[in-house]
N, C-alpha and C. Protein backbone atom coordinates (compact mmCIF):
# COMPACT_ATOMS: atom_id res chain seq x y z
N MET A 1 0.84 -1.19 0.00
CA MET A 1 0.00 0.00 0.00
C MET A 1 0.89 1.25 0.00
N PRO A 2 0.61 2.19 -0.89
CA PRO A 2 1.47 3.38 -0.96
C PRO A 2 1.30 4.26 0.27
N ASP A 3 2.35 4.98 0.59
CA ASP A 3 2.32 5.93 1.69
C ASP A 3 1.52 7.15 1.22
N ILE A 4 0.33 7.32 1.78
CA ILE A 4 -0.56 8.39 1.31
C ILE A 4 0.06 9.77 1.54
N PHE A 5 0.75 9.96 2.66
CA PHE A 5 1.35 11.27 2.91
C PHE A 5 2.44 11.56 1.88
N ALA A 6 3.21 10.54 1.51
CA ALA A 6 4.25 10.75 0.49
C ALA A 6 3.61 11.12 -0.84
N THR A 7 2.50 10.51 -1.17
CA THR A 7 1.77 10.85 -2.40
C THR A 7 1.23 12.27 -2.31
N ALA A 8 0.71 12.63 -1.15
CA ALA A 8 0.21 13.99 -0.94
C ALA A 8 1.34 15.01 -1.08
N GLU A 9 2.51 14.67 -0.56
CA GLU A 9 3.66 15.57 -0.69
C GLU A 9 4.07 15.74 -2.14
N GLN A 10 4.01 14.67 -2.91
CA GLN A 10 4.35 14.77 -4.34
C GLN A 10 3.40 15.72 -5.06
N LEU A 11 2.11 15.61 -4.76
CA LEU A 11 1.14 16.53 -5.35
C LEU A 11 1.46 17.97 -4.93
N TYR A 12 1.70 18.15 -3.65
CA TYR A 12 1.97 19.49 -3.12
C TYR A 12 3.19 20.11 -3.80
N GLU A 13 4.25 19.33 -3.94
CA GLU A 13 5.48 19.82 -4.57
C GLU A 13 5.26 20.11 -6.05
N ALA A 14 4.45 19.32 -6.72
CA ALA A 14 4.14 19.57 -8.13
C ALA A 14 3.41 20.90 -8.29
N VAL A 15 2.51 21.20 -7.36
CA VAL A 15 1.81 22.48 -7.41
C VAL A 15 2.79 23.62 -7.12
N ARG A 16 3.65 23.44 -6.12
CA ARG A 16 4.62 24.48 -5.78
C ARG A 16 5.57 24.75 -6.95
N PHE A 17 5.84 23.74 -7.76
CA PHE A 17 6.72 23.89 -8.92
C PHE A 17 6.16 24.93 -9.89
N GLN A 18 4.84 25.08 -9.90
CA GLN A 18 4.18 26.02 -10.81
C GLN A 18 4.09 27.44 -10.23
N ASP A 19 4.51 27.62 -8.99
CA ASP A 19 4.33 28.89 -8.30
C ASP A 19 4.99 30.08 -8.99
N ALA A 20 6.19 29.92 -9.51
CA ALA A 20 6.92 31.06 -10.08
C ALA A 20 6.14 31.68 -11.24
N GLU A 21 5.58 30.87 -12.09
CA GLU A 21 4.84 31.40 -13.23
C GLU A 21 3.57 32.13 -12.78
N LEU A 22 2.82 31.52 -11.87
CA LEU A 22 1.60 32.16 -11.38
C LEU A 22 1.94 33.43 -10.60
N SER A 23 3.02 33.39 -9.85
CA SER A 23 3.44 34.55 -9.08
C SER A 23 3.79 35.73 -9.98
N ALA A 24 4.45 35.45 -11.09
CA ALA A 24 4.79 36.52 -12.04
C ALA A 24 3.54 37.16 -12.61
N ARG A 25 2.55 36.35 -12.94
CA ARG A 25 1.28 36.89 -13.44
C ARG A 25 0.57 37.68 -12.35
N GLU A 26 0.62 37.15 -11.13
CA GLU A 26 -0.01 37.86 -10.02
C GLU A 26 0.64 39.22 -9.82
N ASP A 27 1.95 39.30 -9.87
CA ASP A 27 2.63 40.58 -9.71
C ASP A 27 2.14 41.60 -10.74
N ARG A 28 1.97 41.15 -11.97
CA ARG A 28 1.53 42.04 -13.04
C ARG A 28 0.09 42.51 -12.82
N VAL A 29 -0.80 41.61 -12.45
CA VAL A 29 -2.19 42.01 -12.25
C VAL A 29 -2.32 42.88 -11.00
N ARG A 30 -1.53 42.62 -9.98
CA ARG A 30 -1.57 43.46 -8.78
C ARG A 30 -1.13 44.89 -9.12
N SER A 31 -0.09 45.02 -9.93
CA SER A 31 0.38 46.36 -10.35
C SER A 31 -0.70 47.08 -11.14
N MET A 32 -1.37 46.35 -12.03
CA MET A 32 -2.43 46.95 -12.84
C MET A 32 -3.56 47.47 -11.94
N ILE A 33 -3.98 46.66 -10.97
CA ILE A 33 -5.08 47.06 -10.08
C ILE A 33 -4.67 48.27 -9.25
N ASP A 34 -3.44 48.27 -8.76
CA ASP A 34 -2.93 49.39 -7.98
C ASP A 34 -2.94 50.67 -8.83
N GLU A 35 -2.46 50.58 -10.07
CA GLU A 35 -2.43 51.75 -10.95
C GLU A 35 -3.84 52.25 -11.26
N LEU A 36 -4.78 51.34 -11.47
CA LEU A 36 -6.14 51.73 -11.83
C LEU A 36 -6.91 52.34 -10.66
N THR A 37 -6.77 51.73 -9.48
CA THR A 37 -7.61 52.12 -8.35
C THR A 37 -6.91 52.98 -7.31
N GLY A 38 -5.59 52.88 -7.26
CA GLY A 38 -4.85 53.55 -6.19
C GLY A 38 -4.76 52.74 -4.92
N TYR A 39 -5.22 51.47 -4.99
CA TYR A 39 -5.17 50.58 -3.83
C TYR A 39 -4.37 49.34 -4.20
N CYS A 40 -3.43 49.00 -3.33
CA CYS A 40 -2.57 47.84 -3.56
C CYS A 40 -3.29 46.57 -3.12
N PRO A 41 -3.55 45.66 -4.07
CA PRO A 41 -4.27 44.43 -3.70
C PRO A 41 -3.38 43.44 -2.97
N GLU A 42 -4.02 42.62 -2.18
CA GLU A 42 -3.37 41.51 -1.49
C GLU A 42 -3.96 40.21 -2.00
N ASP A 43 -3.16 39.17 -2.01
CA ASP A 43 -3.65 37.84 -2.37
C ASP A 43 -4.35 37.28 -1.14
N VAL A 44 -5.64 37.05 -1.27
CA VAL A 44 -6.42 36.53 -0.16
C VAL A 44 -6.96 35.14 -0.47
N GLY A 45 -6.40 34.52 -1.49
CA GLY A 45 -6.87 33.22 -1.93
C GLY A 45 -5.94 32.09 -1.55
N SER A 46 -6.25 30.93 -2.06
CA SER A 46 -5.49 29.73 -1.73
C SER A 46 -4.05 29.82 -2.22
N PHE A 47 -3.80 30.49 -3.34
CA PHE A 47 -2.43 30.63 -3.83
C PHE A 47 -1.57 31.39 -2.82
N GLY A 48 -2.12 32.46 -2.28
CA GLY A 48 -1.38 33.25 -1.31
C GLY A 48 -1.10 32.52 -0.01
N LEU A 49 -1.91 31.49 0.27
CA LEU A 49 -1.71 30.68 1.48
C LEU A 49 -0.97 29.37 1.20
N LEU A 50 -0.55 29.18 -0.06
CA LEU A 50 0.11 27.94 -0.50
C LEU A 50 -0.80 26.73 -0.30
N LEU A 51 -2.09 26.93 -0.61
CA LEU A 51 -3.08 25.88 -0.46
C LEU A 51 -3.83 25.61 -1.77
N ASN A 52 -3.28 26.10 -2.86
CA ASN A 52 -3.96 25.99 -4.14
C ASN A 52 -3.73 24.64 -4.80
N LEU A 53 -4.61 24.35 -5.73
CA LEU A 53 -4.51 23.15 -6.56
C LEU A 53 -3.92 23.52 -7.91
N PRO A 54 -3.55 22.54 -8.72
CA PRO A 54 -3.07 22.85 -10.07
C PRO A 54 -4.11 23.67 -10.83
N GLY A 55 -3.64 24.61 -11.64
CA GLY A 55 -4.54 25.42 -12.44
C GLY A 55 -5.28 26.46 -11.63
N SER A 56 -4.69 26.90 -10.55
CA SER A 56 -5.33 27.84 -9.63
C SER A 56 -5.66 29.17 -10.29
N ASP A 57 -6.75 29.76 -9.81
CA ASP A 57 -7.06 31.14 -10.16
C ASP A 57 -6.40 32.04 -9.13
N LEU A 58 -6.64 33.33 -9.24
CA LEU A 58 -6.12 34.28 -8.26
C LEU A 58 -7.29 34.97 -7.58
N ASP A 59 -7.20 35.10 -6.28
CA ASP A 59 -8.19 35.81 -5.48
C ASP A 59 -7.49 36.97 -4.80
N LEU A 60 -7.79 38.16 -5.26
CA LEU A 60 -7.17 39.36 -4.73
C LEU A 60 -8.23 40.21 -4.05
N ALA A 61 -7.78 41.11 -3.20
CA ALA A 61 -8.71 42.02 -2.53
C ALA A 61 -8.04 43.36 -2.30
N ILE A 62 -8.88 44.39 -2.28
CA ILE A 62 -8.43 45.72 -1.91
C ILE A 62 -9.36 46.26 -0.83
N GLY A 63 -8.80 47.09 0.02
CA GLY A 63 -9.59 47.75 1.06
C GLY A 63 -9.85 49.18 0.66
N VAL A 64 -11.12 49.55 0.60
CA VAL A 64 -11.49 50.87 0.08
C VAL A 64 -12.40 51.57 1.10
N PRO A 65 -12.04 52.79 1.49
CA PRO A 65 -12.92 53.55 2.38
C PRO A 65 -14.29 53.75 1.72
N ALA A 66 -15.32 53.81 2.52
CA ALA A 66 -16.69 53.94 2.02
C ALA A 66 -16.85 55.09 1.03
N GLU A 67 -16.20 56.21 1.32
CA GLU A 67 -16.37 57.39 0.47
C GLU A 67 -15.72 57.25 -0.91
N ASP A 68 -14.93 56.21 -1.12
CA ASP A 68 -14.27 56.02 -2.42
C ASP A 68 -14.77 54.78 -3.16
N GLN A 69 -15.68 54.04 -2.58
CA GLN A 69 -16.12 52.79 -3.19
C GLN A 69 -16.80 52.98 -4.54
N ASP A 70 -17.65 53.98 -4.68
CA ASP A 70 -18.34 54.19 -5.97
C ASP A 70 -17.34 54.44 -7.09
N ARG A 71 -16.30 55.23 -6.83
CA ARG A 71 -15.27 55.48 -7.85
C ARG A 71 -14.60 54.18 -8.25
N VAL A 72 -14.25 53.35 -7.28
CA VAL A 72 -13.57 52.09 -7.55
C VAL A 72 -14.48 51.14 -8.32
N PHE A 73 -15.76 51.06 -7.94
CA PHE A 73 -16.70 50.19 -8.66
C PHE A 73 -16.81 50.62 -10.12
N LYS A 74 -16.86 51.93 -10.37
CA LYS A 74 -16.94 52.43 -11.75
C LYS A 74 -15.69 52.06 -12.54
N ILE A 75 -14.54 52.15 -11.92
CA ILE A 75 -13.29 51.76 -12.58
C ILE A 75 -13.33 50.27 -12.95
N CYS A 76 -13.78 49.45 -12.02
CA CYS A 76 -13.86 48.01 -12.30
C CYS A 76 -14.75 47.75 -13.50
N HIS A 77 -15.90 48.39 -13.54
CA HIS A 77 -16.83 48.21 -14.67
C HIS A 77 -16.21 48.71 -15.97
N ARG A 78 -15.59 49.90 -15.94
CA ARG A 78 -14.98 50.46 -17.16
C ARG A 78 -13.87 49.58 -17.70
N GLN A 79 -13.20 48.86 -16.81
CA GLN A 79 -12.08 47.99 -17.23
C GLN A 79 -12.55 46.62 -17.69
N GLY A 80 -13.86 46.42 -17.74
CA GLY A 80 -14.39 45.16 -18.23
C GLY A 80 -14.46 44.06 -17.19
N MET A 81 -14.29 44.44 -15.94
CA MET A 81 -14.45 43.45 -14.87
C MET A 81 -15.94 43.23 -14.67
N LYS A 82 -16.33 41.99 -14.60
CA LYS A 82 -17.75 41.65 -14.45
C LYS A 82 -18.09 41.55 -12.97
N PHE A 83 -19.16 42.25 -12.57
CA PHE A 83 -19.62 42.12 -11.19
C PHE A 83 -20.11 40.69 -11.00
N LYS A 84 -19.57 40.02 -10.00
CA LYS A 84 -19.90 38.61 -9.77
C LYS A 84 -20.95 38.45 -8.67
N VAL A 85 -20.69 39.06 -7.52
CA VAL A 85 -21.58 38.84 -6.38
C VAL A 85 -21.23 39.82 -5.26
N GLU A 86 -22.23 40.06 -4.41
CA GLU A 86 -21.98 40.76 -3.15
C GLU A 86 -22.11 39.72 -2.05
N ARG A 87 -21.07 39.58 -1.25
CA ARG A 87 -21.04 38.55 -0.20
C ARG A 87 -20.99 39.19 1.18
N GLN A 88 -21.61 38.51 2.13
CA GLN A 88 -21.54 38.93 3.52
C GLN A 88 -20.11 38.72 4.01
N THR A 89 -19.53 39.74 4.61
CA THR A 89 -18.17 39.64 5.14
C THR A 89 -18.20 39.47 6.66
N SER A 90 -18.96 40.33 7.30
CA SER A 90 -19.11 40.24 8.75
C SER A 90 -20.59 40.42 9.06
N ALA A 91 -20.90 40.49 10.32
CA ALA A 91 -22.30 40.68 10.70
C ALA A 91 -22.84 42.01 10.19
N THR A 92 -21.95 42.97 9.95
CA THR A 92 -22.39 44.32 9.58
C THR A 92 -21.88 44.81 8.24
N SER A 93 -21.15 43.98 7.49
CA SER A 93 -20.57 44.48 6.24
C SER A 93 -20.59 43.43 5.13
N THR A 94 -20.42 43.94 3.91
CA THR A 94 -20.35 43.07 2.74
C THR A 94 -19.15 43.48 1.90
N ARG A 95 -18.84 42.61 0.94
CA ARG A 95 -17.79 42.93 -0.03
C ARG A 95 -18.37 42.64 -1.41
N ARG A 96 -17.89 43.34 -2.40
CA ARG A 96 -18.29 43.09 -3.78
C ARG A 96 -17.14 42.40 -4.48
N VAL A 97 -17.49 41.42 -5.30
CA VAL A 97 -16.48 40.65 -6.01
C VAL A 97 -16.68 40.83 -7.50
N PHE A 98 -15.59 41.17 -8.17
CA PHE A 98 -15.56 41.32 -9.62
C PHE A 98 -14.67 40.22 -10.19
N GLU A 99 -14.98 39.78 -11.41
CA GLU A 99 -14.17 38.74 -12.03
C GLU A 99 -13.71 39.19 -13.41
N PHE A 100 -12.51 38.73 -13.76
CA PHE A 100 -11.95 39.00 -15.08
C PHE A 100 -10.82 38.02 -15.32
N THR A 101 -10.30 38.03 -16.53
CA THR A 101 -9.18 37.17 -16.87
C THR A 101 -7.98 38.05 -17.19
N PHE A 102 -6.83 37.67 -16.66
CA PHE A 102 -5.59 38.41 -16.90
C PHE A 102 -4.52 37.40 -17.26
N ALA A 103 -3.93 37.55 -18.43
CA ALA A 103 -2.87 36.64 -18.90
C ALA A 103 -3.31 35.18 -18.78
N ASN A 104 -4.53 34.92 -19.21
CA ASN A 104 -5.12 33.57 -19.21
C ASN A 104 -5.36 32.99 -17.82
N VAL A 105 -5.37 33.82 -16.80
CA VAL A 105 -5.65 33.36 -15.43
C VAL A 105 -6.93 34.03 -14.94
N PRO A 106 -7.92 33.25 -14.51
CA PRO A 106 -9.11 33.87 -13.91
C PRO A 106 -8.74 34.59 -12.61
N VAL A 107 -9.30 35.78 -12.44
CA VAL A 107 -9.02 36.59 -11.26
C VAL A 107 -10.35 37.04 -10.65
N ASP A 108 -10.46 36.87 -9.34
CA ASP A 108 -11.55 37.47 -8.57
C ASP A 108 -10.94 38.62 -7.78
N LEU A 109 -11.59 39.78 -7.85
CA LEU A 109 -11.14 40.95 -7.09
C LEU A 109 -12.24 41.32 -6.12
N GLY A 110 -11.94 41.17 -4.83
CA GLY A 110 -12.87 41.58 -3.79
C GLY A 110 -12.60 43.01 -3.38
N VAL A 111 -13.66 43.79 -3.30
CA VAL A 111 -13.55 45.17 -2.82
C VAL A 111 -14.22 45.20 -1.45
N LEU A 112 -13.40 45.36 -0.43
CA LEU A 112 -13.85 45.29 0.96
C LEU A 112 -13.78 46.66 1.61
N PRO A 113 -14.62 46.88 2.62
CA PRO A 113 -14.41 48.06 3.47
C PRO A 113 -12.99 48.00 4.05
N LYS A 114 -12.37 49.15 4.17
CA LYS A 114 -10.97 49.22 4.60
C LYS A 114 -10.72 48.46 5.91
N GLU A 115 -11.62 48.57 6.88
CA GLU A 115 -11.41 47.92 8.17
C GLU A 115 -11.44 46.39 8.01
N ASP A 116 -12.36 45.89 7.20
CA ASP A 116 -12.45 44.45 6.95
C ASP A 116 -11.19 43.94 6.24
N PHE A 117 -10.75 44.71 5.27
CA PHE A 117 -9.55 44.35 4.52
C PHE A 117 -8.35 44.24 5.46
N ASP A 118 -8.16 45.24 6.30
CA ASP A 118 -7.02 45.24 7.22
C ASP A 118 -7.07 44.03 8.15
N LEU A 119 -8.25 43.72 8.66
CA LEU A 119 -8.39 42.55 9.52
C LEU A 119 -8.09 41.27 8.76
N LEU A 120 -8.64 41.12 7.56
CA LEU A 120 -8.41 39.92 6.76
C LEU A 120 -6.93 39.74 6.45
N VAL A 121 -6.25 40.80 6.06
CA VAL A 121 -4.83 40.71 5.74
C VAL A 121 -4.04 40.24 6.96
N SER A 122 -4.33 40.78 8.13
CA SER A 122 -3.60 40.37 9.34
C SER A 122 -3.90 38.92 9.70
N CYS A 123 -5.15 38.51 9.53
CA CYS A 123 -5.52 37.12 9.83
C CYS A 123 -4.83 36.15 8.87
N LEU A 124 -4.78 36.49 7.60
CA LEU A 124 -4.15 35.59 6.62
C LEU A 124 -2.64 35.57 6.79
N GLU A 125 -2.08 36.66 7.25
CA GLU A 125 -0.64 36.66 7.56
C GLU A 125 -0.37 35.70 8.71
N LYS A 126 -1.25 35.68 9.69
CA LYS A 126 -1.12 34.74 10.81
C LYS A 126 -1.22 33.30 10.28
N CYS A 127 -2.12 33.06 9.35
CA CYS A 127 -2.25 31.73 8.74
C CYS A 127 -0.95 31.33 8.06
N ARG A 128 -0.36 32.26 7.29
CA ARG A 128 0.90 31.97 6.60
C ARG A 128 2.01 31.60 7.59
N ARG A 129 2.03 32.29 8.73
CA ARG A 129 3.07 32.05 9.75
C ARG A 129 2.84 30.76 10.51
N GLU A 130 1.58 30.47 10.85
CA GLU A 130 1.30 29.41 11.81
C GLU A 130 0.90 28.07 11.21
N MET A 131 0.38 28.05 10.02
CA MET A 131 -0.02 26.78 9.42
C MET A 131 1.25 26.04 9.00
N THR A 132 1.40 24.82 9.44
CA THR A 132 2.62 24.07 9.15
C THR A 132 2.60 23.54 7.72
N ARG A 133 3.77 23.18 7.24
CA ARG A 133 3.85 22.58 5.90
C ARG A 133 3.04 21.30 5.85
N ASP A 134 3.13 20.47 6.87
CA ASP A 134 2.36 19.22 6.87
C ASP A 134 0.85 19.49 6.82
N GLU A 135 0.40 20.53 7.54
CA GLU A 135 -1.02 20.89 7.48
C GLU A 135 -1.40 21.33 6.06
N ARG A 136 -0.50 22.08 5.42
CA ARG A 136 -0.77 22.51 4.04
C ARG A 136 -0.84 21.32 3.10
N VAL A 137 0.12 20.41 3.22
CA VAL A 137 0.14 19.23 2.38
C VAL A 137 -1.17 18.45 2.53
N GLU A 138 -1.58 18.23 3.77
CA GLU A 138 -2.82 17.48 4.03
C GLU A 138 -4.03 18.21 3.46
N HIS A 139 -4.08 19.52 3.66
CA HIS A 139 -5.22 20.30 3.17
C HIS A 139 -5.33 20.23 1.64
N VAL A 140 -4.21 20.42 0.96
CA VAL A 140 -4.21 20.37 -0.50
C VAL A 140 -4.60 18.98 -0.98
N TRP A 141 -4.09 17.95 -0.31
CA TRP A 141 -4.44 16.57 -0.69
C TRP A 141 -5.95 16.32 -0.54
N ARG A 142 -6.48 16.73 0.61
CA ARG A 142 -7.92 16.53 0.84
C ARG A 142 -8.76 17.29 -0.18
N LYS A 143 -8.37 18.53 -0.48
CA LYS A 143 -9.08 19.30 -1.50
C LYS A 143 -9.03 18.59 -2.85
N TRP A 144 -7.85 18.14 -3.21
CA TRP A 144 -7.67 17.49 -4.49
C TRP A 144 -8.54 16.24 -4.60
N LYS A 145 -8.54 15.44 -3.53
CA LYS A 145 -9.34 14.20 -3.54
C LYS A 145 -10.83 14.53 -3.66
N LEU A 146 -11.31 15.50 -2.90
CA LEU A 146 -12.72 15.86 -2.98
C LEU A 146 -13.08 16.38 -4.37
N LYS A 147 -12.21 17.19 -4.94
CA LYS A 147 -12.47 17.71 -6.29
C LYS A 147 -12.48 16.57 -7.30
N GLN A 148 -11.52 15.65 -7.20
CA GLN A 148 -11.46 14.50 -8.10
C GLN A 148 -12.72 13.64 -8.00
N ASP A 149 -13.24 13.52 -6.79
CA ASP A 149 -14.43 12.70 -6.54
C ASP A 149 -15.73 13.43 -6.85
N GLY A 150 -15.64 14.70 -7.26
CA GLY A 150 -16.85 15.46 -7.59
C GLY A 150 -17.70 15.83 -6.39
N ARG A 151 -17.10 15.84 -5.23
CA ARG A 151 -17.83 16.15 -3.99
C ARG A 151 -17.76 17.67 -3.74
N GLN A 152 -18.55 18.40 -4.51
CA GLN A 152 -18.47 19.85 -4.55
C GLN A 152 -18.76 20.54 -3.22
N ARG A 153 -19.79 20.10 -2.53
CA ARG A 153 -20.13 20.76 -1.26
C ARG A 153 -18.99 20.59 -0.25
N GLU A 154 -18.52 19.34 -0.09
CA GLU A 154 -17.43 19.10 0.86
C GLU A 154 -16.16 19.86 0.45
N TYR A 155 -15.91 19.92 -0.84
CA TYR A 155 -14.76 20.67 -1.36
C TYR A 155 -14.90 22.16 -1.00
N ALA A 156 -16.06 22.73 -1.26
CA ALA A 156 -16.29 24.14 -0.97
C ALA A 156 -16.16 24.43 0.53
N GLU A 157 -16.61 23.51 1.36
CA GLU A 157 -16.50 23.69 2.81
C GLU A 157 -15.05 23.58 3.27
N LEU A 158 -14.34 22.60 2.74
CA LEU A 158 -12.94 22.40 3.12
C LEU A 158 -12.08 23.61 2.75
N LYS A 159 -12.35 24.19 1.59
CA LYS A 159 -11.58 25.35 1.16
C LYS A 159 -11.61 26.47 2.20
N LEU A 160 -12.72 26.56 2.94
CA LEU A 160 -12.89 27.66 3.89
C LEU A 160 -12.30 27.40 5.27
N GLU A 161 -11.91 26.16 5.54
CA GLU A 161 -11.42 25.84 6.89
C GLU A 161 -10.28 26.75 7.37
N PRO A 162 -9.23 26.98 6.57
CA PRO A 162 -8.17 27.86 7.08
C PRO A 162 -8.66 29.29 7.35
N TYR A 163 -9.58 29.76 6.52
CA TYR A 163 -10.12 31.11 6.72
C TYR A 163 -10.91 31.19 8.03
N ALA A 164 -11.76 30.20 8.26
CA ALA A 164 -12.55 30.18 9.49
C ALA A 164 -11.65 30.04 10.72
N ARG A 165 -10.58 29.29 10.58
CA ARG A 165 -9.66 29.07 11.69
C ARG A 165 -8.90 30.35 12.06
N PHE A 166 -8.43 31.08 11.05
CA PHE A 166 -7.58 32.23 11.32
C PHE A 166 -8.31 33.57 11.28
N CYS A 167 -9.53 33.58 10.75
CA CYS A 167 -10.31 34.81 10.71
C CYS A 167 -11.76 34.48 11.08
N PRO A 168 -11.96 34.05 12.34
CA PRO A 168 -13.28 33.56 12.75
C PRO A 168 -14.36 34.63 12.83
N SER A 169 -14.00 35.90 12.84
CA SER A 169 -15.02 36.94 12.96
C SER A 169 -15.72 37.23 11.62
N PHE A 170 -15.20 36.68 10.54
CA PHE A 170 -15.86 36.86 9.24
C PHE A 170 -16.88 35.76 9.02
N VAL A 171 -17.81 36.02 8.13
CA VAL A 171 -18.81 35.04 7.72
C VAL A 171 -18.25 34.27 6.53
N TRP A 172 -18.08 32.97 6.69
CA TRP A 172 -17.52 32.14 5.60
C TRP A 172 -18.58 31.14 5.16
N LYS A 173 -19.10 31.35 3.96
CA LYS A 173 -20.12 30.45 3.41
C LYS A 173 -19.56 29.79 2.17
N PRO A 174 -19.75 28.48 2.04
CA PRO A 174 -19.27 27.79 0.85
C PRO A 174 -19.88 28.35 -0.43
N ILE A 175 -19.04 28.44 -1.46
CA ILE A 175 -19.48 28.90 -2.77
C ILE A 175 -19.56 27.69 -3.67
N LEU A 176 -20.76 27.36 -4.10
CA LEU A 176 -20.94 26.19 -4.95
C LEU A 176 -21.04 26.60 -6.40
């Protein structure tokens, strides 16, 4: 019987091998968003946490004060970003998500209230520091297996576990 953890590590390393290319694209799209909006985006997705699967998209976010949100939303629309959804972020706030493709990579851009953004960035930084490599390997393996098995609900729930663990004050609902 094969060593499942060794197999999981092989998958994890194969995904990490692709990081340089995705990172270069991410740097370019982050610069573009910063130039367009005046806000420097952060990677708030699985790639930024080293929890992504092969063929990962990018999930970026910017924090925008309430008085500047309309300007930023108009910029997103003018640039051909499609409004995707408004999601509950906390008990009292929401974020808007726009989607577009950049250099053949799907990108979701979340526009959050500045306070929510700052909290999320600090929580995800804690995740990057505290989540062990073995935990990452296991998480990626479990995600991969669920995706391979077509178990969409369980996959969507598992994706959110690190977020709920490190940023429990936010509302995390599976996206199916």
